[in-house]
């Protein structure tokens, strides 16, 4: 794979964790937070 493709894949994979962070309204237990982030 080329470097730009790997870069885009990395950005997309890491970017999905922000969706989970944004979905957490208020205080969330640590284990639930980890679950949200890694299931996406």
N, C-alpha and C. Protein backbone atom coordinates (compact mmCIF):
# COMPACT_ATOMS: atom_id res chain seq x y z
N UNK A 1 0.85 -1.19 0.00
CA UNK A 1 0.00 0.00 0.00
C UNK A 1 0.89 1.25 0.00
N UNK A 2 0.37 2.28 -0.58
CA UNK A 2 1.14 3.51 -0.62
C UNK A 2 0.93 4.32 0.65
N UNK A 3 1.81 5.23 0.87
CA UNK A 3 1.75 6.06 2.07
C UNK A 3 0.45 6.87 2.18
N UNK A 4 -0.02 7.51 1.11
CA UNK A 4 -1.28 8.26 1.23
C UNK A 4 -2.47 7.37 1.61
N UNK A 5 -2.51 6.16 1.07
CA UNK A 5 -3.60 5.24 1.40
C UNK A 5 -3.55 4.87 2.88
N UNK A 6 -2.36 4.56 3.37
CA UNK A 6 -2.21 4.23 4.78
C UNK A 6 -2.58 5.41 5.67
N UNK A 7 -2.21 6.61 5.25
CA UNK A 7 -2.55 7.81 6.01
C UNK A 7 -4.06 7.99 6.09
N UNK A 8 -4.74 7.85 4.98
CA UNK A 8 -6.20 8.00 4.95
C UNK A 8 -6.87 6.94 5.82
N UNK A 9 -6.40 5.71 5.75
CA UNK A 9 -6.97 4.65 6.60
C UNK A 9 -6.78 4.97 8.08
N UNK A 10 -5.61 5.46 8.44
CA UNK A 10 -5.35 5.81 9.83
C UNK A 10 -6.27 6.93 10.29
N UNK A 11 -6.43 7.94 9.48
CA UNK A 11 -7.31 9.07 9.83
C UNK A 11 -8.75 8.59 9.99
N UNK A 12 -9.22 7.74 9.10
CA UNK A 12 -10.59 7.25 9.19
C UNK A 12 -10.81 6.38 10.43
N UNK A 13 -9.86 5.51 10.72
CA UNK A 13 -10.00 4.64 11.88
C UNK A 13 -9.94 5.45 13.17
N UNK A 14 -8.97 6.33 13.29
CA UNK A 14 -8.86 7.13 14.52
C UNK A 14 -9.99 8.15 14.62
N UNK A 15 -10.47 8.62 13.48
CA UNK A 15 -11.55 9.61 13.47
C UNK A 15 -12.86 9.06 14.00
N UNK A 16 -13.09 7.75 13.85
CA UNK A 16 -14.35 7.19 14.32
C UNK A 16 -14.46 7.24 15.84
N UNK A 17 -13.33 7.30 16.54
CA UNK A 17 -13.41 7.38 18.00
C UNK A 17 -14.04 8.70 18.45
N UNK A 18 -13.92 9.74 17.62
CA UNK A 18 -14.54 11.03 17.97
C UNK A 18 -16.06 10.95 17.95
N UNK A 19 -16.59 10.08 17.11
CA UNK A 19 -18.05 9.87 17.09
C UNK A 19 -18.50 9.32 18.44
N UNK A 20 -17.76 8.35 18.94
CA UNK A 20 -18.10 7.77 20.25
C UNK A 20 -17.94 8.78 21.36
N UNK A 21 -16.91 9.58 21.31
CA UNK A 21 -16.69 10.60 22.34
C UNK A 21 -17.83 11.62 22.32
N UNK A 22 -18.26 12.01 21.14
CA UNK A 22 -19.34 12.99 21.02
C UNK A 22 -20.66 12.40 21.50
N UNK A 23 -20.84 11.08 21.38
CA UNK A 23 -22.08 10.44 21.79
C UNK A 23 -22.19 10.32 23.31
N UNK A 24 -21.09 10.49 23.99
CA UNK A 24 -21.09 10.37 25.45
C UNK A 24 -21.50 11.71 26.06
N UNK A 25 -22.73 11.80 26.43
CA UNK A 25 -23.23 13.01 27.06
C UNK A 25 -23.24 12.78 28.57
N UNK A 26 -22.57 13.64 29.30
CA UNK A 26 -22.48 13.48 30.75
C UNK A 26 -21.35 12.51 31.11
N UNK A 27 -21.37 12.09 32.35
CA UNK A 27 -20.33 11.18 32.81
C UNK A 27 -20.66 9.74 32.43
N UNK A 28 -19.68 9.06 31.92
CA UNK A 28 -19.84 7.67 31.49
C UNK A 28 -18.73 6.86 32.17
N UNK A 29 -19.07 5.68 32.70
CA UNK A 29 -18.03 4.83 33.30
C UNK A 29 -16.93 4.51 32.28
N UNK A 30 -15.73 4.31 32.78
CA UNK A 30 -14.58 4.09 31.92
C UNK A 30 -14.78 2.88 30.99
N UNK A 31 -15.26 1.78 31.53
CA UNK A 31 -15.43 0.59 30.71
C UNK A 31 -16.45 0.80 29.59
N UNK A 32 -17.49 1.55 29.85
CA UNK A 32 -18.48 1.85 28.82
C UNK A 32 -17.87 2.75 27.75
N UNK A 33 -17.07 3.69 28.18
CA UNK A 33 -16.40 4.58 27.24
C UNK A 33 -15.48 3.81 26.32
N UNK A 34 -14.70 2.89 26.88
CA UNK A 34 -13.81 2.07 26.07
C UNK A 34 -14.61 1.21 25.10
N UNK A 35 -15.71 0.65 25.57
CA UNK A 35 -16.58 -0.16 24.72
C UNK A 35 -17.09 0.65 23.53
N UNK A 36 -17.59 1.86 23.81
CA UNK A 36 -18.09 2.73 22.72
C UNK A 36 -17.00 2.97 21.67
N UNK A 37 -15.82 3.30 22.13
CA UNK A 37 -14.76 3.68 21.22
C UNK A 37 -14.29 2.52 20.34
N UNK A 38 -14.20 1.34 20.93
CA UNK A 38 -13.63 0.23 20.16
C UNK A 38 -14.67 -0.56 19.38
N UNK A 39 -15.94 -0.40 19.68
CA UNK A 39 -16.94 -1.09 18.87
C UNK A 39 -17.18 -0.37 17.55
N UNK A 40 -16.92 0.92 17.53
CA UNK A 40 -17.03 1.64 16.25
C UNK A 40 -15.89 1.26 15.34
